[in-house]
Amino acid sequence: MNITVIEEKAKLERLFVLSEPYTEIGKALEVEATIKGLQKGEELSLEFWADTSSGKYEELASAR
């Protein structure tokens, strides 16, 4: 999966779910991701969002 905003910035190389395979609906999942920056630069900021059951997006976390 490539992450694109105006131009390609990063690539999601791997997404691994660490939680139990049949986690109950509403329970948090623990995942591990490897993201590779595709352009030279000093700063890459990541924001993690979820599409909730109400149809609204909710910011979960951010990192720089």
N, C-alpha and C. Protein backbone atom coordinates (compact mmCIF):
# COMPACT_ATOMS: atom_id res chain seq x y z
N MET A 1 0.85 -1.16 0.00
CA MET A 1 0.00 0.00 0.00
C MET A 1 0.90 1.22 0.00
N ASN A 2 0.70 2.12 -0.93
CA ASN A 2 1.43 3.37 -0.95
C ASN A 2 0.57 4.46 -0.34
N ILE A 3 1.21 5.38 0.34
CA ILE A 3 0.53 6.49 0.99
C ILE A 3 0.81 7.72 0.15
N THR A 4 -0.22 8.33 -0.41
CA THR A 4 -0.03 9.43 -1.35
C THR A 4 -0.82 10.66 -0.93
N VAL A 5 -0.14 11.78 -0.87
CA VAL A 5 -0.77 13.09 -0.70
C VAL A 5 -0.05 14.00 -1.67
N ILE A 6 -0.68 14.36 -2.75
CA ILE A 6 -0.12 15.12 -3.86
C ILE A 6 0.95 14.30 -4.59
N GLU A 7 1.90 13.79 -3.88
CA GLU A 7 2.92 12.92 -4.46
C GLU A 7 3.21 11.78 -3.48
N GLU A 8 3.78 10.72 -3.99
CA GLU A 8 4.04 9.55 -3.15
C GLU A 8 5.11 9.87 -2.11
N LYS A 9 4.79 9.69 -0.84
CA LYS A 9 5.68 10.04 0.27
C LYS A 9 6.26 8.82 0.97
N ALA A 10 5.45 7.79 1.12
CA ALA A 10 5.87 6.63 1.90
C ALA A 10 5.17 5.38 1.40
N LYS A 11 5.69 4.25 1.83
CA LYS A 11 5.13 2.96 1.43
C LYS A 11 4.96 2.10 2.67
N LEU A 12 3.79 1.54 2.84
CA LEU A 12 3.53 0.60 3.92
C LEU A 12 4.03 -0.75 3.44
N GLU A 13 5.16 -1.19 3.98
CA GLU A 13 5.78 -2.43 3.51
C GLU A 13 5.19 -3.66 4.18
N ARG A 14 4.83 -3.53 5.45
CA ARG A 14 4.37 -4.71 6.19
C ARG A 14 3.41 -4.26 7.29
N LEU A 15 2.36 -5.02 7.48
CA LEU A 15 1.41 -4.78 8.56
C LEU A 15 1.13 -6.14 9.19
N PHE A 16 1.43 -6.24 10.48
CA PHE A 16 1.33 -7.52 11.17
C PHE A 16 0.44 -7.34 12.40
N VAL A 17 -0.62 -8.11 12.50
CA VAL A 17 -1.53 -8.04 13.65
C VAL A 17 -0.99 -8.95 14.74
N LEU A 18 -0.77 -8.39 15.93
CA LEU A 18 -0.22 -9.14 17.05
C LEU A 18 -1.31 -9.70 17.97
N SER A 19 -2.54 -9.21 17.81
CA SER A 19 -3.65 -9.64 18.65
C SER A 19 -4.11 -11.04 18.28
N GLU A 20 -4.99 -11.59 19.09
CA GLU A 20 -5.58 -12.90 18.83
C GLU A 20 -6.32 -12.85 17.49
N PRO A 21 -6.37 -13.96 16.76
CA PRO A 21 -6.99 -13.94 15.44
C PRO A 21 -8.49 -13.63 15.45
N TYR A 22 -9.19 -13.94 16.53
CA TYR A 22 -10.63 -13.69 16.59
C TYR A 22 -10.95 -12.74 17.74
N THR A 23 -10.43 -11.53 17.64
CA THR A 23 -10.66 -10.51 18.66
C THR A 23 -12.11 -10.03 18.59
N GLU A 24 -12.72 -9.80 19.75
CA GLU A 24 -14.11 -9.34 19.81
C GLU A 24 -14.24 -7.95 19.20
N ILE A 25 -15.40 -7.71 18.59
CA ILE A 25 -15.70 -6.40 18.04
C ILE A 25 -15.68 -5.38 19.18
N GLY A 26 -15.04 -4.26 18.95
CA GLY A 26 -14.95 -3.22 19.96
C GLY A 26 -13.66 -3.27 20.78
N LYS A 27 -12.93 -4.37 20.71
CA LYS A 27 -11.66 -4.51 21.42
C LYS A 27 -10.54 -3.94 20.55
N ALA A 28 -9.53 -3.38 21.20
CA ALA A 28 -8.39 -2.82 20.48
C ALA A 28 -7.53 -3.93 19.89
N LEU A 29 -7.00 -3.68 18.70
CA LEU A 29 -6.05 -4.59 18.07
C LEU A 29 -4.65 -4.04 18.27
N GLU A 30 -3.70 -4.92 18.48
CA GLU A 30 -2.31 -4.52 18.56
C GLU A 30 -1.65 -4.92 17.24
N VAL A 31 -1.06 -3.93 16.55
CA VAL A 31 -0.44 -4.20 15.26
C VAL A 31 0.97 -3.62 15.21
N GLU A 32 1.75 -4.15 14.31
CA GLU A 32 3.10 -3.66 14.06
C GLU A 32 3.20 -3.34 12.57
N ALA A 33 3.76 -2.19 12.24
CA ALA A 33 3.85 -1.80 10.83
C ALA A 33 5.26 -1.35 10.50
N THR A 34 5.67 -1.61 9.26
CA THR A 34 6.93 -1.11 8.74
C THR A 34 6.60 -0.14 7.62
N ILE A 35 6.98 1.13 7.80
CA ILE A 35 6.70 2.16 6.82
C ILE A 35 8.03 2.69 6.30
N LYS A 36 8.17 2.76 4.98
CA LYS A 36 9.42 3.20 4.36
C LYS A 36 9.18 4.54 3.67
N GLY A 37 9.97 5.56 4.06
CA GLY A 37 9.91 6.86 3.39
C GLY A 37 10.50 6.73 2.00
N LEU A 38 9.87 7.35 1.02
CA LEU A 38 10.33 7.24 -0.37
C LEU A 38 11.07 8.48 -0.86
N GLN A 39 11.11 9.52 -0.03
CA GLN A 39 11.80 10.73 -0.43
C GLN A 39 12.80 11.12 0.65
N LYS A 40 13.87 11.79 0.24
CA LYS A 40 14.83 12.28 1.21
C LYS A 40 14.20 13.40 2.01
N GLY A 41 14.55 13.46 3.26
CA GLY A 41 14.01 14.51 4.11
C GLY A 41 14.35 14.24 5.55
N GLU A 42 14.22 15.24 6.35
CA GLU A 42 14.54 15.15 7.77
C GLU A 42 13.35 14.71 8.60
N GLU A 43 12.16 14.99 8.12
CA GLU A 43 11.01 14.83 9.00
C GLU A 43 9.87 14.08 8.31
N LEU A 44 9.40 13.05 8.94
CA LEU A 44 8.22 12.32 8.47
C LEU A 44 7.27 12.25 9.65
N SER A 45 6.08 12.77 9.48
CA SER A 45 5.12 12.68 10.57
C SER A 45 4.05 11.67 10.18
N LEU A 46 3.66 10.85 11.13
CA LEU A 46 2.67 9.81 10.91
C LEU A 46 1.44 10.10 11.75
N GLU A 47 0.29 9.90 11.17
CA GLU A 47 -0.97 10.04 11.89
C GLU A 47 -1.75 8.75 11.68
N PHE A 48 -2.32 8.23 12.74
CA PHE A 48 -3.08 6.99 12.69
C PHE A 48 -4.55 7.31 12.95
N TRP A 49 -5.40 6.95 12.01
CA TRP A 49 -6.83 7.23 12.07
C TRP A 49 -7.62 5.93 11.96
N ALA A 50 -8.82 5.94 12.51
CA ALA A 50 -9.71 4.79 12.40
C ALA A 50 -11.06 5.26 11.86
N ASP A 51 -11.64 4.45 11.01
CA ASP A 51 -12.99 4.68 10.50
C ASP A 51 -13.93 4.00 11.49
N THR A 52 -14.65 4.78 12.29
CA THR A 52 -15.48 4.22 13.36
C THR A 52 -16.82 3.71 12.81
N SER A 53 -17.53 2.98 13.62
CA SER A 53 -18.81 2.42 13.21
C SER A 53 -19.85 3.51 12.93
N SER A 54 -19.65 4.71 13.48
CA SER A 54 -20.58 5.81 13.22
C SER A 54 -20.30 6.47 11.87
N GLY A 55 -19.21 6.06 11.21
CA GLY A 55 -18.86 6.64 9.91
C GLY A 55 -17.91 7.81 10.00
N LYS A 56 -17.55 8.20 11.22
CA LYS A 56 -16.63 9.31 11.42
C LYS A 56 -15.21 8.78 11.58
N TYR A 57 -14.24 9.57 11.14
CA TYR A 57 -12.84 9.21 11.34
C TYR A 57 -12.36 9.77 12.67
N GLU A 58 -11.60 8.98 13.40
CA GLU A 58 -11.09 9.36 14.71
C GLU A 58 -9.58 9.21 14.72
N GLU A 59 -8.87 10.28 15.14
CA GLU A 59 -7.42 10.20 15.22
C GLU A 59 -7.03 9.37 16.45
N LEU A 60 -6.19 8.37 16.23
CA LEU A 60 -5.78 7.49 17.32
C LEU A 60 -4.44 7.92 17.93
N ALA A 61 -3.50 8.33 17.08
CA ALA A 61 -2.18 8.70 17.56
C ALA A 61 -1.43 9.42 16.45
N SER A 62 -0.35 10.09 16.83
CA SER A 62 0.53 10.70 15.84
C SER A 62 1.96 10.60 16.36
N ALA A 63 2.89 10.59 15.42
CA ALA A 63 4.32 10.47 15.76
C ALA A 63 5.13 11.25 14.75
N ARG A 64 6.28 11.75 15.20
CA ARG A 64 7.20 12.47 14.31
C ARG A 64 8.53 11.76 14.32
